[in-house]
N, C-alpha and C. Protein backbone atom coordinates (compact mmCIF):
# COMPACT_ATOMS: atom_id res chain seq x y z
N MET A 1 -5.85 24.55 -35.86
CA MET A 1 -5.91 23.32 -35.12
C MET A 1 -5.19 23.49 -33.79
N GLN A 2 -5.86 23.06 -32.75
CA GLN A 2 -5.27 23.16 -31.39
C GLN A 2 -4.51 21.90 -31.07
N GLU A 3 -3.29 22.09 -30.40
CA GLU A 3 -2.51 20.98 -30.00
C GLU A 3 -2.47 20.89 -28.48
N PHE A 4 -2.37 19.67 -27.95
CA PHE A 4 -2.36 19.38 -26.61
C PHE A 4 -1.17 18.52 -26.17
N ALA A 5 -0.77 18.64 -24.95
CA ALA A 5 0.40 17.88 -24.48
C ALA A 5 0.04 16.41 -24.30
N SER A 6 -1.24 16.19 -24.01
CA SER A 6 -1.71 14.79 -23.74
C SER A 6 -3.14 14.75 -24.11
N VAL A 7 -3.66 13.49 -24.18
CA VAL A 7 -5.09 13.24 -24.47
C VAL A 7 -5.88 13.80 -23.29
N TRP A 8 -5.29 13.74 -22.10
CA TRP A 8 -6.03 14.19 -20.92
C TRP A 8 -6.21 15.77 -20.94
N ASP A 9 -5.24 16.42 -21.44
CA ASP A 9 -5.34 17.84 -21.63
C ASP A 9 -6.41 18.20 -22.57
N ALA A 10 -6.55 17.37 -23.60
CA ALA A 10 -7.55 17.65 -24.65
C ALA A 10 -9.00 17.46 -24.19
N ILE A 11 -9.17 16.46 -23.29
CA ILE A 11 -10.57 16.15 -22.92
C ILE A 11 -11.02 16.73 -21.54
N ALA A 12 -10.01 17.18 -20.78
CA ALA A 12 -10.30 17.67 -19.49
C ALA A 12 -10.72 19.22 -19.59
N ASP A 13 -11.56 19.61 -18.71
CA ASP A 13 -11.98 21.02 -18.65
C ASP A 13 -10.97 21.94 -17.96
N THR A 14 -10.14 21.31 -17.04
CA THR A 14 -9.16 22.16 -16.34
C THR A 14 -7.85 21.38 -16.26
N PRO A 15 -6.74 22.07 -16.02
CA PRO A 15 -5.43 21.35 -15.82
C PRO A 15 -5.50 20.42 -14.67
N GLU A 16 -6.27 20.80 -13.66
CA GLU A 16 -6.35 19.87 -12.43
C GLU A 16 -7.04 18.58 -12.78
N GLU A 17 -8.09 18.68 -13.58
CA GLU A 17 -8.79 17.45 -13.98
C GLU A 17 -7.91 16.66 -14.85
N ALA A 18 -7.16 17.22 -15.76
CA ALA A 18 -6.21 16.52 -16.64
C ALA A 18 -5.18 15.81 -15.80
N ALA A 19 -4.61 16.41 -14.78
CA ALA A 19 -3.64 15.81 -13.93
C ALA A 19 -4.27 14.63 -13.16
N ASN A 20 -5.52 14.75 -12.73
CA ASN A 20 -6.19 13.65 -12.00
C ASN A 20 -6.41 12.46 -12.94
N LEU A 21 -6.84 12.76 -14.16
CA LEU A 21 -7.09 11.64 -15.13
C LEU A 21 -5.79 10.99 -15.51
N SER A 22 -4.75 11.77 -15.67
CA SER A 22 -3.46 11.16 -16.03
C SER A 22 -2.93 10.20 -14.88
N LEU A 23 -3.07 10.64 -13.68
CA LEU A 23 -2.62 9.79 -12.54
C LEU A 23 -3.44 8.54 -12.47
N ARG A 24 -4.75 8.68 -12.58
CA ARG A 24 -5.63 7.53 -12.55
C ARG A 24 -5.27 6.54 -13.70
N SER A 25 -5.09 7.07 -14.87
CA SER A 25 -4.69 6.24 -16.03
C SER A 25 -3.41 5.49 -15.75
N GLU A 26 -2.39 6.18 -15.17
CA GLU A 26 -1.15 5.56 -14.94
C GLU A 26 -1.30 4.41 -13.93
N LEU A 27 -2.05 4.65 -12.84
CA LEU A 27 -2.30 3.61 -11.86
C LEU A 27 -3.05 2.40 -12.46
N MET A 28 -4.02 2.70 -13.27
CA MET A 28 -4.76 1.62 -13.93
C MET A 28 -3.89 0.79 -14.80
N ASN A 29 -3.05 1.42 -15.56
CA ASN A 29 -2.16 0.68 -16.44
C ASN A 29 -1.15 -0.16 -15.66
N GLU A 30 -0.67 0.34 -14.55
CA GLU A 30 0.27 -0.41 -13.77
C GLU A 30 -0.42 -1.62 -13.13
N ILE A 31 -1.63 -1.45 -12.59
CA ILE A 31 -2.42 -2.57 -12.03
C ILE A 31 -2.75 -3.63 -13.10
N GLU A 32 -3.08 -3.17 -14.29
CA GLU A 32 -3.40 -4.11 -15.40
C GLU A 32 -2.13 -4.92 -15.75
N ALA A 33 -0.98 -4.25 -15.77
CA ALA A 33 0.22 -4.93 -16.11
C ALA A 33 0.49 -5.99 -15.06
N ILE A 34 0.35 -5.76 -13.76
CA ILE A 34 0.53 -6.75 -12.76
C ILE A 34 -0.41 -7.99 -12.96
N ILE A 35 -1.63 -7.66 -13.29
CA ILE A 35 -2.62 -8.74 -13.49
C ILE A 35 -2.17 -9.60 -14.72
N LYS A 36 -1.75 -8.94 -15.78
CA LYS A 36 -1.37 -9.70 -17.00
C LYS A 36 -0.09 -10.46 -16.76
N GLN A 37 0.92 -9.86 -16.07
CA GLN A 37 2.23 -10.48 -15.86
C GLN A 37 1.99 -11.82 -15.06
N ASN A 38 1.03 -11.77 -14.13
CA ASN A 38 0.77 -12.95 -13.30
C ASN A 38 -0.18 -13.94 -13.99
N GLY A 39 -0.76 -13.58 -15.09
CA GLY A 39 -1.68 -14.44 -15.79
C GLY A 39 -2.91 -14.76 -15.07
N TRP A 40 -3.41 -13.78 -14.24
CA TRP A 40 -4.57 -14.03 -13.42
C TRP A 40 -5.85 -13.85 -14.25
N THR A 41 -6.81 -14.66 -13.95
CA THR A 41 -8.14 -14.46 -14.48
C THR A 41 -8.73 -13.23 -13.77
N GLN A 42 -9.80 -12.71 -14.28
CA GLN A 42 -10.44 -11.59 -13.59
C GLN A 42 -10.92 -12.01 -12.21
N ALA A 43 -11.36 -13.25 -12.09
CA ALA A 43 -11.86 -13.66 -10.74
C ALA A 43 -10.69 -13.75 -9.71
N VAL A 44 -9.58 -14.30 -10.16
CA VAL A 44 -8.41 -14.35 -9.31
C VAL A 44 -7.87 -12.96 -8.99
N ALA A 45 -7.76 -12.13 -9.97
CA ALA A 45 -7.37 -10.72 -9.76
C ALA A 45 -8.27 -10.02 -8.81
N ALA A 46 -9.59 -10.26 -8.94
CA ALA A 46 -10.52 -9.57 -8.03
C ALA A 46 -10.28 -9.99 -6.58
N LYS A 47 -10.07 -11.28 -6.40
CA LYS A 47 -9.84 -11.78 -5.03
C LYS A 47 -8.56 -11.21 -4.45
N ARG A 48 -7.50 -11.17 -5.29
CA ARG A 48 -6.23 -10.56 -4.79
C ARG A 48 -6.32 -9.07 -4.57
N CYS A 49 -7.14 -8.37 -5.34
CA CYS A 49 -7.29 -6.95 -5.20
C CYS A 49 -8.35 -6.53 -4.19
N GLY A 50 -9.11 -7.47 -3.63
CA GLY A 50 -10.13 -7.16 -2.68
C GLY A 50 -11.29 -6.45 -3.29
N VAL A 51 -11.62 -6.76 -4.51
CA VAL A 51 -12.77 -6.10 -5.20
C VAL A 51 -13.55 -7.21 -5.90
N THR A 52 -14.65 -6.81 -6.58
CA THR A 52 -15.43 -7.80 -7.32
C THR A 52 -14.84 -7.99 -8.75
N GLN A 53 -15.28 -9.07 -9.38
CA GLN A 53 -14.83 -9.37 -10.73
C GLN A 53 -15.33 -8.31 -11.69
N PRO A 54 -16.56 -7.78 -11.58
CA PRO A 54 -16.98 -6.75 -12.48
C PRO A 54 -16.15 -5.45 -12.31
N ARG A 55 -15.65 -5.22 -11.09
CA ARG A 55 -14.77 -4.07 -10.87
C ARG A 55 -13.44 -4.21 -11.64
N ILE A 56 -12.89 -5.47 -11.64
CA ILE A 56 -11.66 -5.73 -12.36
C ILE A 56 -11.92 -5.58 -13.87
N ASN A 57 -13.11 -6.03 -14.30
CA ASN A 57 -13.50 -5.86 -15.70
C ASN A 57 -13.49 -4.40 -16.08
N ASP A 58 -14.09 -3.55 -15.28
CA ASP A 58 -14.05 -2.11 -15.50
C ASP A 58 -12.65 -1.62 -15.64
N LEU A 59 -11.75 -1.99 -14.67
CA LEU A 59 -10.38 -1.57 -14.74
C LEU A 59 -9.70 -2.00 -16.02
N LEU A 60 -9.83 -3.28 -16.40
CA LEU A 60 -9.19 -3.79 -17.61
C LEU A 60 -9.75 -3.17 -18.88
N ARG A 61 -11.00 -2.71 -18.84
CA ARG A 61 -11.63 -2.05 -20.00
C ARG A 61 -11.33 -0.52 -20.05
N GLY A 62 -10.49 -0.09 -19.02
CA GLY A 62 -10.12 1.34 -19.01
C GLY A 62 -11.24 2.29 -18.66
N ARG A 63 -12.20 1.84 -17.91
CA ARG A 63 -13.33 2.75 -17.56
C ARG A 63 -12.84 3.67 -16.37
N ILE A 64 -12.08 4.61 -16.76
CA ILE A 64 -11.43 5.53 -15.81
C ILE A 64 -12.38 6.27 -14.88
N SER A 65 -13.54 6.60 -15.42
CA SER A 65 -14.50 7.43 -14.64
C SER A 65 -15.06 6.67 -13.42
N ARG A 66 -14.91 5.35 -13.41
CA ARG A 66 -15.43 4.50 -12.34
C ARG A 66 -14.45 4.30 -11.21
N PHE A 67 -13.28 4.95 -11.30
CA PHE A 67 -12.23 4.77 -10.28
C PHE A 67 -11.69 6.10 -9.80
N SER A 68 -11.61 6.23 -8.48
CA SER A 68 -10.97 7.38 -7.89
C SER A 68 -9.51 6.97 -7.61
N ILE A 69 -8.67 8.01 -7.39
CA ILE A 69 -7.29 7.76 -7.06
C ILE A 69 -7.29 6.92 -5.76
N ASP A 70 -8.13 7.20 -4.80
CA ASP A 70 -8.13 6.46 -3.55
C ASP A 70 -8.39 4.95 -3.81
N ALA A 71 -9.43 4.67 -4.65
CA ALA A 71 -9.74 3.27 -4.93
C ALA A 71 -8.57 2.51 -5.62
N LEU A 72 -7.91 3.22 -6.54
CA LEU A 72 -6.77 2.64 -7.21
C LEU A 72 -5.55 2.42 -6.28
N VAL A 73 -5.30 3.30 -5.37
CA VAL A 73 -4.27 3.15 -4.37
C VAL A 73 -4.60 1.93 -3.48
N ASN A 74 -5.88 1.79 -3.12
CA ASN A 74 -6.25 0.67 -2.31
C ASN A 74 -6.05 -0.63 -3.01
N ILE A 75 -6.34 -0.70 -4.31
CA ILE A 75 -6.10 -1.91 -5.08
C ILE A 75 -4.63 -2.23 -5.18
N ALA A 76 -3.84 -1.22 -5.47
CA ALA A 76 -2.35 -1.37 -5.57
C ALA A 76 -1.87 -1.91 -4.22
N SER A 77 -2.34 -1.38 -3.14
CA SER A 77 -1.89 -1.81 -1.79
C SER A 77 -2.25 -3.23 -1.57
N ALA A 78 -3.45 -3.62 -1.96
CA ALA A 78 -3.87 -5.02 -1.87
C ALA A 78 -2.99 -6.00 -2.63
N LEU A 79 -2.31 -5.43 -3.68
CA LEU A 79 -1.37 -6.26 -4.47
C LEU A 79 0.02 -6.19 -3.90
N GLY A 80 0.21 -5.59 -2.73
CA GLY A 80 1.51 -5.50 -2.16
C GLY A 80 2.40 -4.43 -2.73
N ARG A 81 1.76 -3.40 -3.38
CA ARG A 81 2.55 -2.35 -3.98
C ARG A 81 2.34 -1.06 -3.14
N ARG A 82 3.41 -0.19 -3.19
CA ARG A 82 3.32 1.09 -2.54
C ARG A 82 3.23 2.14 -3.68
N VAL A 83 2.31 3.06 -3.56
CA VAL A 83 2.19 4.09 -4.55
C VAL A 83 2.93 5.34 -4.12
N THR A 84 3.74 5.89 -4.97
CA THR A 84 4.45 7.07 -4.61
C THR A 84 4.08 8.16 -5.66
N VAL A 85 4.12 9.44 -5.26
CA VAL A 85 3.80 10.44 -6.18
C VAL A 85 4.99 11.46 -6.20
N ARG A 86 5.34 11.94 -7.39
CA ARG A 86 6.41 12.89 -7.53
C ARG A 86 5.83 14.11 -8.22
N LEU A 87 6.20 15.28 -7.66
CA LEU A 87 5.69 16.51 -8.25
C LEU A 87 6.79 17.06 -9.14
N GLU A 88 6.33 17.60 -10.28
CA GLU A 88 7.27 18.18 -11.20
C GLU A 88 6.73 19.53 -11.68
N ASP A 89 7.54 20.39 -12.20
CA ASP A 89 7.06 21.65 -12.82
C ASP A 89 6.16 21.27 -13.97
N ALA A 90 5.12 22.06 -14.09
CA ALA A 90 4.11 21.78 -15.19
C ALA A 90 4.47 22.42 -16.49
N ALA A 91 5.73 22.58 -16.73
CA ALA A 91 6.16 23.34 -17.98
C ALA A 91 5.64 22.74 -19.17
């Protein structure tokens, strides 16, 4: 049986792809948390994020393949958030 450090390592073809999926997942989770904390409907969230309601639906359903890091950073920025990235050893 093979063991993986994360689900992203298990499904990605390369470590680079796993890192990208992990970062996108983290951003999506943070954006979803903001939406839920504020009690916004999908329509209200879409307006605040500068995207369509179906786009917010994709985000809330975890459809990670439909979002790039750039798109998620833009959504976070529209919500008044600043995205920072920290590099760590991949041990």
